[in-house]
Amino acid sequence: MNILITGASGFIGRQLVEQLAPHHQLTLVTRSVAQTQKILGNQHHYLSSLDELSDLNHLDAIVNLAGEPIVAKRWSKAQKQRICDSRWDITAKLTQLIKQSANPPKVMVSGSAVGYYGRHDDQLLDETSAAHAEFSHDICQKWEQAAQEANSEQTRVCIIRIGIVLGKGGALDKMLPPFKLGLGGPIGHGRQGMSWIHVSDLVSLIQFLLTQEHCQGVFNATAPHPVSNAVFAKALGKALNRPALITTPPLALRLAMGEMSELLTEGQFVIPKHALEAGFKFQFNELEPALMDVVS
């Protein structure tokens, strides 16, 4: 297939490109073409902006992963707007290009996040569960809506609500330093849900959705067994052979991170009902083997 990927230089995008490159022609959209070429190679076609395209007639598929990192900077009003615009604008542009195409791509897999559901207690959430209105939900709702508008008889749209991605990079890199020093542990009461997925399973799920013509709509990109923050901390400590007993007070996180700290102090237990029903098989169903694979 000829596949266009946005967000190709990101943590997930780089892993996806590596898996797709031997079998497909890739067009990569990146703000820094020269830098991304050094990382991903010269064999791909690069675009610095979607404005270089007037239609997508030559493409078979799109994977839309672009977006300002959620945890890059403290959530000022301006940073919140950048987080939103970086997702909404590029997704709306892709939808516009699909609609302008006489022979549009057959499928678009577009990113979202489990933040769509907002904070919840210990109930298990699937793709049909109600959402709690807050900033993370507002980002994802409009992001998903912009992608769904591309859905037609010619183009099927799959939305992936991504959890905490475990791999060499991404969120785990930010968690590891205190745990390696033996200073890790639960955050607050530790009962908040952590819905995770190994990066290799996430990449495999994207590939699965690209090729399975019966798949359409929303898919939770999370492993089948989410855990509490306390269980996650204990498993990470075990994988590193370090104690994980030091509790981080929510107030300390709030002072350090502001509103963004709610990503750590609140959570949800999300299960991938639609992916499992579609026949997708996870390589990493349980947290401990996933963490051992990443940190070993």
C-alpha atoms as a PDB file:
ATOM      1  CA  MET A   1       0.000   0.000   0.000  1.00  0.00           C
ATOM      2  CA  ASN A   2       0.897   3.651  -0.358  1.00  0.00           C
ATOM      3  CA  ILE A   3       0.398   5.007   3.178  1.00  0.00           C
ATOM      4  CA  LEU A   4       0.559   8.584   4.450  1.00  0.00           C
ATOM      5  CA  ILE A   5       1.605   8.959   8.098  1.00  0.00           C
ATOM      6  CA  THR A   6       1.389  12.094  10.218  1.00  0.00           C
ATOM      7  CA  GLY A   7       3.372  12.183  13.465  1.00  0.00           C
ATOM      8  CA  ALA A   8       5.925   9.788  11.947  1.00  0.00           C
ATOM      9  CA  SER A   9       8.823  11.253  13.927  1.00  0.00           C
ATOM     10  CA  GLY A  10       7.118  10.653  17.288  1.00  0.00           C
ATOM     11  CA  PHE A  11       7.642   7.715  19.653  1.00  0.00           C
ATOM     12  CA  ILE A  12       4.810   5.623  18.156  1.00  0.00           C
ATOM     13  CA  GLY A  13       5.317   6.876  14.597  1.00  0.00           C
ATOM     14  CA  ARG A  14       8.973   5.807  14.461  1.00  0.00           C
ATOM     15  CA  GLN A  15       8.089   2.254  15.546  1.00  0.00           C
ATOM     16  CA  LEU A  16       5.255   2.102  13.001  1.00  0.00           C
ATOM     17  CA  VAL A  17       7.457   3.304  10.132  1.00  0.00           C
ATOM     18  CA  GLU A  18      10.054   0.656  10.985  1.00  0.00           C
ATOM     19  CA  GLN A  19       7.418  -2.087  10.745  1.00  0.00           C
ATOM     20  CA  LEU A  20       5.680  -0.802   7.597  1.00  0.00           C
ATOM     21  CA  ALA A  21       8.739   0.273   5.579  1.00  0.00           C
ATOM     22  CA  PRO A  22       9.759  -3.167   4.203  1.00  0.00           C
ATOM     23  CA  HIS A  23       6.313  -3.818   2.739  1.00  0.00           C
ATOM     24  CA  HIS A  24       4.764  -0.459   1.810  1.00  0.00           C
ATOM     25  CA  GLN A  25       5.462   2.933   0.226  1.00  0.00           C
ATOM     26  CA  LEU A  26       5.367   5.617   2.904  1.00  0.00           C
ATOM     27  CA  THR A  27       4.679   9.348   2.683  1.00  0.00           C
ATOM     28  CA  LEU A  28       5.678  11.003   5.949  1.00  0.00           C
ATOM     29  CA  VAL A  29       4.406  14.411   7.072  1.00  0.00           C
ATOM     30  CA  THR A  30       6.838  16.159   9.410  1.00  0.00           C
ATOM     31  CA  ARG A  31       7.642  19.770  10.310  1.00  0.00           C
ATOM     32  CA  SER A  32      11.373  18.978  10.185  1.00  0.00           C
ATOM     33  CA  VAL A  33      12.042  16.983   7.012  1.00  0.00           C
ATOM     34  CA  ALA A  34      15.861  16.999   7.230  1.00  0.00           C
ATOM     35  CA  GLN A  35      15.912  15.890  10.872  1.00  0.00           C
ATOM     36  CA  THR A  36      13.311  13.161  10.324  1.00  0.00           C
ATOM     37  CA  GLN A  37      15.182  11.861   7.268  1.00  0.00           C
ATOM     38  CA  LYS A  38      18.253  11.335   9.458  1.00  0.00           C
ATOM     39  CA  ILE A  39      16.163   9.242  11.867  1.00  0.00           C
ATOM     40  CA  LEU A  40      13.908   7.327   9.452  1.00  0.00           C
ATOM     41  CA  GLY A  41      15.966   7.221   6.242  1.00  0.00           C
ATOM     42  CA  ASN A  42      15.879   8.667   2.727  1.00  0.00           C
ATOM     43  CA  GLN A  43      13.770   5.936   1.152  1.00  0.00           C
ATOM     44  CA  HIS A  44      10.449   7.583   2.067  1.00  0.00           C
ATOM     45  CA  HIS A  45       8.601  10.502   0.485  1.00  0.00           C
ATOM     46  CA  TYR A  46       8.521  13.486   2.846  1.00  0.00           C
ATOM     47  CA  LEU A  47       6.148  16.440   3.141  1.00  0.00           C
ATOM     48  CA  SER A  48       6.616  19.410   5.461  1.00  0.00           C
ATOM     49  CA  SER A  49       2.896  20.263   5.296  1.00  0.00           C
ATOM     50  CA  LEU A  50      -0.405  18.854   4.035  1.00  0.00           C
ATOM     51  CA  ASP A  51      -0.765  22.135   2.140  1.00  0.00           C
ATOM     52  CA  GLU A  52       1.512  20.570  -0.486  1.00  0.00           C
ATOM     53  CA  LEU A  53      -1.386  18.260  -1.436  1.00  0.00           C
ATOM     54  CA  SER A  54      -4.617  19.094  -3.281  1.00  0.00           C
ATOM     55  CA  ASP A  55      -6.055  15.559  -3.012  1.00  0.00           C
ATOM     56  CA  LEU A  56      -5.172  12.062  -1.779  1.00  0.00           C
ATOM     57  CA  ASN A  57      -6.046  10.093  -4.917  1.00  0.00           C
ATOM     58  CA  HIS A  58      -2.632   8.371  -4.991  1.00  0.00           C
ATOM     59  CA  LEU A  59      -2.906   7.013  -1.438  1.00  0.00           C
ATOM     60  CA  ASP A  60      -4.379   3.744  -0.171  1.00  0.00           C
ATOM     61  CA  ALA A  61      -4.347   4.536   3.553  1.00  0.00           C
ATOM     62  CA  ILE A  62      -3.678   7.193   6.209  1.00  0.00           C
ATOM     63  CA  VAL A  63      -2.366   6.853   9.750  1.00  0.00           C
ATOM     64  CA  ASN A  64      -2.900  10.092  11.663  1.00  0.00           C
ATOM     65  CA  LEU A  65      -0.766  10.300  14.822  1.00  0.00           C
ATOM     66  CA  ALA A  66       0.177  13.991  14.825  1.00  0.00           C
ATOM     67  CA  GLY A  67      -0.145  16.132  17.940  1.00  0.00           C
ATOM     68  CA  GLU A  68       1.782  18.278  20.415  1.00  0.00           C
ATOM     69  CA  PRO A  69       2.913  15.989  23.270  1.00  0.00           C
ATOM     70  CA  ILE A  70       0.444  16.218  26.156  1.00  0.00           C
ATOM     71  CA  VAL A  71       3.180  16.269  28.815  1.00  0.00           C
ATOM     72  CA  ALA A  72       5.730  18.425  26.983  1.00  0.00           C
ATOM     73  CA  LYS A  73       5.082  21.595  28.986  1.00  0.00           C
ATOM     74  CA  ARG A  74       2.968  22.907  31.850  1.00  0.00           C
ATOM     75  CA  TRP A  75      -0.639  23.479  30.777  1.00  0.00           C
ATOM     76  CA  SER A  76      -0.830  27.237  30.340  1.00  0.00           C
ATOM     77  CA  LYS A  77      -3.793  28.559  28.392  1.00  0.00           C
ATOM     78  CA  ALA A  78      -1.560  28.920  25.320  1.00  0.00           C
ATOM     79  CA  GLN A  79      -0.143  25.391  25.702  1.00  0.00           C
ATOM     80  CA  LYS A  80      -3.633  23.922  26.013  1.00  0.00           C
ATOM     81  CA  GLN A  81      -4.549  25.637  22.760  1.00  0.00           C
ATOM     82  CA  ARG A  82      -1.440  24.218  21.043  1.00  0.00           C
ATOM     83  CA  ILE A  83      -2.347  20.721  22.255  1.00  0.00           C
ATOM     84  CA  CYS A  84      -5.828  21.097  20.792  1.00  0.00           C
ATOM     85  CA  ASP A  85      -4.965  22.854  17.535  1.00  0.00           C
ATOM     86  CA  SER A  86      -2.133  20.438  16.667  1.00  0.00           C
ATOM     87  CA  ARG A  87      -4.669  17.590  16.688  1.00  0.00           C
ATOM     88  CA  TRP A  88      -7.809  19.255  15.426  1.00  0.00           C
ATOM     89  CA  ASP A  89      -6.296  21.221  12.539  1.00  0.00           C
ATOM     90  CA  ILE A  90      -4.324  18.426  10.866  1.00  0.00           C
ATOM     91  CA  THR A  91      -7.217  15.968  11.251  1.00  0.00           C
ATOM     92  CA  ALA A  92      -9.677  18.458   9.744  1.00  0.00           C
ATOM     93  CA  LYS A  93      -7.230  19.043   6.870  1.00  0.00           C
ATOM     94  CA  LEU A  94      -6.965  15.303   6.186  1.00  0.00           C
ATOM     95  CA  THR A  95     -10.748  15.008   6.159  1.00  0.00           C
ATOM     96  CA  GLN A  96     -10.968  17.926   3.754  1.00  0.00           C
ATOM     97  CA  LEU A  97      -8.414  16.319   1.415  1.00  0.00           C
ATOM     98  CA  ILE A  98     -10.261  12.992   1.529  1.00  0.00           C
ATOM     99  CA  LYS A  99     -13.492  14.740   0.555  1.00  0.00           C
ATOM    100  CA  GLN A 100     -11.686  16.515  -2.315  1.00  0.00           C
ATOM    101  CA  SER A 101     -10.452  13.185  -3.714  1.00  0.00           C
ATOM    102  CA  ALA A 102     -12.235  11.373  -6.532  1.00  0.00           C
ATOM    103  CA  ASN A 103     -10.477   8.164  -5.487  1.00  0.00           C
ATOM    104  CA  PRO A 104      -9.834   8.660  -1.753  1.00  0.00           C
ATOM    105  CA  PRO A 105      -7.849   6.340   0.550  1.00  0.00           C
ATOM    106  CA  LYS A 106      -9.747   3.228   1.562  1.00  0.00           C
ATOM    107  CA  VAL A 107      -8.976   3.638   5.265  1.00  0.00           C
ATOM    108  CA  MET A 108      -7.865   6.226   7.817  1.00  0.00           C
ATOM    109  CA  VAL A 109      -6.630   5.131  11.246  1.00  0.00           C
ATOM    110  CA  SER A 110      -6.716   8.242  13.411  1.00  0.00           C
ATOM    111  CA  GLY A 111      -5.343   8.713  16.909  1.00  0.00           C
ATOM    112  CA  SER A 112      -7.199   9.620  20.070  1.00  0.00           C
ATOM    113  CA  ALA A 113      -6.602   8.731  23.725  1.00  0.00           C
ATOM    114  CA  VAL A 114      -8.235   7.047  26.693  1.00  0.00           C
ATOM    115  CA  GLY A 115      -8.435  10.574  28.082  1.00  0.00           C
ATOM    116  CA  TYR A 116     -11.661  10.654  26.073  1.00  0.00           C
ATOM    117  CA  TYR A 117     -13.384   8.951  29.010  1.00  0.00           C
ATOM    118  CA  GLY A 118     -12.117  11.449  31.590  1.00  0.00           C
ATOM    119  CA  ARG A 119     -11.699  10.432  35.216  1.00  0.00           C
ATOM    120  CA  HIS A 120     -13.571   7.371  36.477  1.00  0.00           C
ATOM    121  CA  ASP A 121     -13.482   5.218  39.580  1.00  0.00           C
ATOM    122  CA  ASP A 122     -12.838   1.478  39.352  1.00  0.00           C
ATOM    123  CA  GLN A 123     -15.482   0.571  36.746  1.00  0.00           C
ATOM    124  CA  LEU A 124     -14.307  -1.138  33.552  1.00  0.00           C
ATOM    125  CA  LEU A 125     -14.821   1.050  30.495  1.00  0.00           C
ATOM    126  CA  ASP A 126     -15.304  -0.088  26.909  1.00  0.00           C
ATOM    127  CA  GLU A 127     -15.883   1.882  23.703  1.00  0.00           C
ATOM    128  CA  THR A 128     -19.555   2.461  24.562  1.00  0.00           C
ATOM    129  CA  SER A 129     -18.941   3.887  28.062  1.00  0.00           C
ATOM    130  CA  ALA A 130     -20.001   7.427  28.948  1.00  0.00           C
ATOM    131  CA  ALA A 131     -17.365  10.148  29.337  1.00  0.00           C
ATOM    132  CA  HIS A 132     -16.654  12.579  32.170  1.00  0.00           C
ATOM    133  CA  ALA A 133     -16.449  16.116  30.764  1.00  0.00           C
ATOM    134  CA  GLU A 134     -13.018  17.681  31.336  1.00  0.00           C
ATOM    135  CA  PHE A 135     -10.057  18.955  29.278  1.00  0.00           C
ATOM    136  CA  SER A 136      -8.814  15.535  28.129  1.00  0.00           C
ATOM    137  CA  HIS A 137     -12.306  14.575  26.964  1.00  0.00           C
ATOM    138  CA  ASP A 138     -12.805  17.879  25.153  1.00  0.00           C
ATOM    139  CA  ILE A 139      -9.554  17.403  23.186  1.00  0.00           C
ATOM    140  CA  CYS A 140     -10.442  13.881  22.133  1.00  0.00           C
ATOM    141  CA  GLN A 141     -14.114  14.455  21.357  1.00  0.00           C
ATOM    142  CA  LYS A 142     -13.411  17.166  18.772  1.00  0.00           C
ATOM    143  CA  TRP A 143     -10.373  15.262  17.468  1.00  0.00           C
ATOM    144  CA  GLU A 144     -12.474  12.146  16.860  1.00  0.00           C
ATOM    145  CA  GLN A 145     -15.351  14.116  15.373  1.00  0.00           C
ATOM    146  CA  ALA A 146     -13.021  15.697  12.787  1.00  0.00           C
ATOM    147  CA  ALA A 147     -11.799  12.222  11.756  1.00  0.00           C
ATOM    148  CA  GLN A 148     -15.260  10.628  11.663  1.00  0.00           C
ATOM    149  CA  GLU A 149     -16.396  13.250   9.161  1.00  0.00           C
ATOM    150  CA  ALA A 150     -14.134  11.511   6.606  1.00  0.00           C
ATOM    151  CA  ASN A 151     -16.109   8.283   6.921  1.00  0.00           C
ATOM    152  CA  SER A 152     -17.930   7.273   3.715  1.00  0.00           C
ATOM    153  CA  GLU A 153     -18.655   4.269   1.510  1.00  0.00           C
ATOM    154  CA  GLN A 154     -15.201   4.795  -0.021  1.00  0.00           C
ATOM    155  CA  THR A 155     -13.238   5.481   3.188  1.00  0.00           C
ATOM    156  CA  ARG A 156     -13.628   3.650   6.474  1.00  0.00           C
ATOM    157  CA  VAL A 157     -12.400   5.456   9.568  1.00  0.00           C
ATOM    158  CA  CYS A 158     -10.940   3.702  12.627  1.00  0.00           C
ATOM    159  CA  ILE A 159     -10.332   5.735  15.790  1.00  0.00           C
ATOM    160  CA  ILE A 160      -7.755   4.369  18.248  1.00  0.00           C
ATOM    161  CA  ARG A 161      -8.067   5.559  21.867  1.00  0.00           C
ATOM    162  CA  ILE A 162      -4.499   4.996  23.019  1.00  0.00           C
ATOM    163  CA  GLY A 163      -3.532   4.243  26.613  1.00  0.00           C
ATOM    164  CA  ILE A 164      -0.105   4.524  28.291  1.00  0.00           C
ATOM    165  CA  VAL A 165       2.327   3.148  25.707  1.00  0.00           C
ATOM    166  CA  LEU A 166       5.126   1.001  27.131  1.00  0.00           C
ATOM    167  CA  GLY A 167       8.341   0.995  25.124  1.00  0.00           C
ATOM    168  CA  LYS A 168      11.836   2.467  24.981  1.00  0.00           C
ATOM    169  CA  GLY A 169      10.728   6.085  24.926  1.00  0.00           C
ATOM    170  CA  GLY A 170       7.410   7.785  25.564  1.00  0.00           C
ATOM    171  CA  ALA A 171       5.757   7.939  28.983  1.00  0.00           C
ATOM    172  CA  LEU A 172       7.859   5.171  30.546  1.00  0.00           C
ATOM    173  CA  ASP A 173      11.068   7.164  30.026  1.00  0.00           C
ATOM    174  CA  LYS A 174       9.674   9.860  32.299  1.00  0.00           C
ATOM    175  CA  MET A 175       8.712   7.302  34.981  1.00  0.00           C
ATOM    176  CA  LEU A 176      11.973   5.335  35.085  1.00  0.00           C
ATOM    177  CA  PRO A 177      14.514   7.676  36.775  1.00  0.00           C
ATOM    178  CA  PRO A 178      13.013   7.682  40.312  1.00  0.00           C
ATOM    179  CA  PHE A 179      12.243   3.952  40.120  1.00  0.00           C
ATOM    180  CA  LYS A 180      15.834   3.148  39.067  1.00  0.00           C
ATOM    181  CA  LEU A 181      17.004   5.027  42.168  1.00  0.00           C
ATOM    182  CA  GLY A 182      14.625   3.082  44.393  1.00  0.00           C
ATOM    183  CA  LEU A 183      12.509   6.193  44.954  1.00  0.00           C
ATOM    184  CA  GLY A 184       9.437   5.110  42.979  1.00  0.00           C
ATOM    185  CA  GLY A 185       6.037   4.107  44.275  1.00  0.00           C
ATOM    186  CA  PRO A 186       2.319   4.780  44.016  1.00  0.00           C
ATOM    187  CA  ILE A 187       0.848   8.230  43.461  1.00  0.00           C
ATOM    188  CA  GLY A 188      -1.562   9.215  46.241  1.00  0.00           C
ATOM    189  CA  HIS A 189      -3.886   6.354  47.208  1.00  0.00           C
ATOM    190  CA  GLY A 190      -2.762   4.383  44.137  1.00  0.00           C
ATOM    191  CA  ARG A 191      -6.270   3.199  43.249  1.00  0.00           C
ATOM    192  CA  GLN A 192      -6.553   5.229  40.023  1.00  0.00           C
ATOM    193  CA  GLY A 193      -6.644   3.172  36.838  1.00  0.00           C
ATOM    194  CA  MET A 194      -3.735   2.857  34.420  1.00  0.00           C
ATOM    195  CA  SER A 195      -4.710   1.548  30.997  1.00  0.00           C
ATOM    196  CA  TRP A 196      -1.523   0.485  29.219  1.00  0.00           C
ATOM    197  CA  ILE A 197      -0.379  -1.148  25.971  1.00  0.00           C
ATOM    198  CA  HIS A 198       3.001  -2.445  24.795  1.00  0.00           C
ATOM    199  CA  VAL A 199       4.224  -0.429  21.809  1.00  0.00           C
ATOM    200  CA  SER A 200       4.585  -3.564  19.668  1.00  0.00           C
ATOM    201  CA  ASP A 201       0.904  -4.402  20.270  1.00  0.00           C
ATOM    202  CA  LEU A 202      -0.108  -0.840  19.396  1.00  0.00           C
ATOM    203  CA  VAL A 203       1.826  -0.984  16.115  1.00  0.00           C
ATOM    204  CA  SER A 204       0.323  -4.412  15.369  1.00  0.00           C
ATOM    205  CA  LEU A 205      -3.179  -3.099  16.096  1.00  0.00           C
ATOM    206  CA  ILE A 206      -2.686  -0.198  13.658  1.00  0.00           C
ATOM    207  CA  GLN A 207      -1.516  -2.653  10.983  1.00  0.00           C
ATOM    208  CA  PHE A 208      -4.493  -4.899  11.758  1.00  0.00           C
ATOM    209  CA  LEU A 209      -6.964  -2.014  11.335  1.00  0.00           C
ATOM    210  CA  LEU A 210      -5.334  -0.955   8.053  1.00  0.00           C
ATOM    211  CA  THR A 211      -5.927  -4.363   6.494  1.00  0.00           C
ATOM    212  CA  GLN A 212      -9.130  -5.685   8.096  1.00  0.00           C
ATOM    213  CA  GLU A 213     -11.945  -4.311   5.974  1.00  0.00           C
ATOM    214  CA  HIS A 214     -14.618  -5.244   8.530  1.00  0.00           C
ATOM    215  CA  CYS A 215     -13.096  -2.867  11.110  1.00  0.00           C
ATOM    216  CA  GLN A 216     -14.622   0.572  11.486  1.00  0.00           C
ATOM    217  CA  GLY A 217     -15.366   3.000  14.314  1.00  0.00           C
ATOM    218  CA  VAL A 218     -13.747   3.324  17.756  1.00  0.00           C
ATOM    219  CA  PHE A 219     -11.153   0.893  19.164  1.00  0.00           C
ATOM    220  CA  ASN A 220      -9.531   1.129  22.584  1.00  0.00           C
ATOM    221  CA  ALA A 221      -5.780   0.693  22.061  1.00  0.00           C
ATOM    222  CA  THR A 222      -5.141  -0.768  25.509  1.00  0.00           C
ATOM    223  CA  ALA A 223      -4.141  -4.203  26.794  1.00  0.00           C
ATOM    224  CA  PRO A 224      -6.986  -6.429  28.072  1.00  0.00           C
ATOM    225  CA  HIS A 225      -5.896  -6.119  31.723  1.00  0.00           C
ATOM    226  CA  PRO A 226      -5.596  -2.535  33.017  1.00  0.00           C
ATOM    227  CA  VAL A 227      -4.218  -2.108  36.541  1.00  0.00           C
ATOM    228  CA  SER A 228      -4.264   0.351  39.407  1.00  0.00           C
ATOM    229  CA  ASN A 229      -1.442   2.826  39.839  1.00  0.00           C
ATOM    230  CA  ALA A 230      -0.261   0.921  42.936  1.00  0.00           C
ATOM    231  CA  VAL A 231      -0.079  -2.368  41.019  1.00  0.00           C
ATOM    232  CA  PHE A 232       1.742  -0.639  38.144  1.00  0.00           C
ATOM    233  CA  ALA A 233       4.309   0.865  40.548  1.00  0.00           C
ATOM    234  CA  LYS A 234       4.934  -2.504  42.208  1.00  0.00           C
ATOM    235  CA  ALA A 235       5.362  -4.241  38.824  1.00  0.00           C
ATOM    236  CA  LEU A 236       7.764  -1.566  37.559  1.00  0.00           C
ATOM    237  CA  GLY A 237       9.831  -1.840  40.736  1.00  0.00           C
ATOM    238  CA  LYS A 238       9.939  -5.623  40.327  1.00  0.00           C
ATOM    239  CA  ALA A 239      11.030  -5.340  36.680  1.00  0.00           C
ATOM    240  CA  LEU A 240      13.895  -3.061  37.752  1.00  0.00           C
ATOM    241  CA  ASN A 241      14.660  -5.095  40.890  1.00  0.00           C
ATOM    242  CA  ARG A 242      14.108  -1.998  43.010  1.00  0.00           C
ATOM    243  CA  PRO A 243      11.746  -1.196  45.905  1.00  0.00           C
ATOM    244  CA  ALA A 244       8.668   0.842  44.978  1.00  0.00           C
ATOM    245  CA  LEU A 245       7.335   1.943  48.339  1.00  0.00           C
ATOM    246  CA  ILE A 246       7.635   5.752  48.362  1.00  0.00           C
ATOM    247  CA  THR A 247       4.258   7.415  47.894  1.00  0.00           C
ATOM    248  CA  THR A 248       4.144  10.666  45.910  1.00  0.00           C
ATOM    249  CA  PRO A 249       1.635  13.128  47.447  1.00  0.00           C
ATOM    250  CA  PRO A 250      -0.842  14.517  44.886  1.00  0.00           C
ATOM    251  CA  LEU A 251      -0.274  18.026  46.269  1.00  0.00           C
ATOM    252  CA  ALA A 252       3.433  17.842  45.383  1.00  0.00           C
ATOM    253  CA  LEU A 253       2.544  16.881  41.808  1.00  0.00           C
ATOM    254  CA  ARG A 254      -0.025  19.652  41.633  1.00  0.00           C
ATOM    255  CA  LEU A 255       2.573  22.220  42.723  1.00  0.00           C
ATOM    256  CA  ALA A 256       5.121  20.888  40.235  1.00  0.00           C
ATOM    257  CA  MET A 257       2.864  20.256  37.236  1.00  0.00           C
ATOM    258  CA  GLY A 258      -0.312  22.264  37.745  1.00  0.00           C
ATOM    259  CA  GLU A 259      -3.473  20.936  36.105  1.00  0.00           C
ATOM    260  CA  MET A 260      -1.419  18.440  34.081  1.00  0.00           C
ATOM    261  CA  SER A 261      -0.877  16.452  37.318  1.00  0.00           C
ATOM    262  CA  GLU A 262      -4.442  15.128  36.949  1.00  0.00           C
ATOM    263  CA  LEU A 263      -3.103  12.785  34.250  1.00  0.00           C
ATOM    264  CA  LEU A 264      -1.314  10.960  37.094  1.00  0.00           C
ATOM    265  CA  THR A 265      -3.694  11.414  40.019  1.00  0.00           C
ATOM    266  CA  GLU A 266      -6.860  10.484  38.092  1.00  0.00           C
ATOM    267  CA  GLY A 267      -7.385   7.564  35.749  1.00  0.00           C
ATOM    268  CA  GLN A 268      -9.570   4.917  34.199  1.00  0.00           C
ATOM    269  CA  PHE A 269      -9.684   1.145  33.644  1.00  0.00           C
ATOM    270  CA  VAL A 270     -10.203   0.713  29.874  1.00  0.00           C
ATOM    271  CA  ILE A 271     -10.621  -2.611  28.055  1.00  0.00           C
ATOM    272  CA  PRO A 272     -10.233  -3.215  24.273  1.00  0.00           C
ATOM    273  CA  LYS A 273     -13.636  -4.807  23.675  1.00  0.00           C
ATOM    274  CA  HIS A 274     -13.899  -3.923  19.971  1.00  0.00           C
ATOM    275  CA  ALA A 275     -10.349  -5.045  19.101  1.00  0.00           C
ATOM    276  CA  LEU A 276     -10.878  -8.412  20.787  1.00  0.00           C
ATOM    277  CA  GLU A 277     -14.261  -8.874  19.099  1.00  0.00           C
ATOM    278  CA  ALA A 278     -12.629  -8.095  15.730  1.00  0.00           C
ATOM    279  CA  GLY A 279     -10.143 -10.924  16.279  1.00  0.00           C
ATOM    280  CA  PHE A 280      -7.012  -8.995  17.248  1.00  0.00           C
ATOM    281  CA  LYS A 281      -4.544 -10.996  19.367  1.00  0.00           C
ATOM    282  CA  PHE A 282      -2.378  -9.199  21.920  1.00  0.00           C
ATOM    283  CA  GLN A 283       1.191 -10.376  22.420  1.00  0.00           C
ATOM    284  CA  PHE A 284       1.294  -8.745  25.869  1.00  0.00           C
ATOM    285  CA  ASN A 285      -1.925  -9.260  27.824  1.00  0.00           C
ATOM    286  CA  GLU A 286      -0.386  -8.879  31.287  1.00  0.00           C
ATOM    287  CA  LEU A 287       1.637  -5.967  32.675  1.00  0.00           C
ATOM    288  CA  GLU A 288       4.632  -7.758  34.248  1.00  0.00           C
ATOM    289  CA  PRO A 289       5.857  -9.493  31.047  1.00  0.00           C
ATOM    290  CA  ALA A 290       5.341  -6.223  29.118  1.00  0.00           C
ATOM    291  CA  LEU A 291       7.464  -4.227  31.567  1.00  0.00           C
ATOM    292  CA  MET A 292      10.128  -6.948  31.716  1.00  0.00           C
ATOM    293  CA  ASP A 293      10.356  -6.905  27.926  1.00  0.00           C
ATOM    294  CA  VAL A 294      10.826  -3.134  27.834  1.00  0.00           C
ATOM    295  CA  VAL A 295      13.319  -2.652  30.680  1.00  0.00           C
ATOM    296  CA  SER A 296      15.409  -5.811  30.185  1.00  0.00           C
END
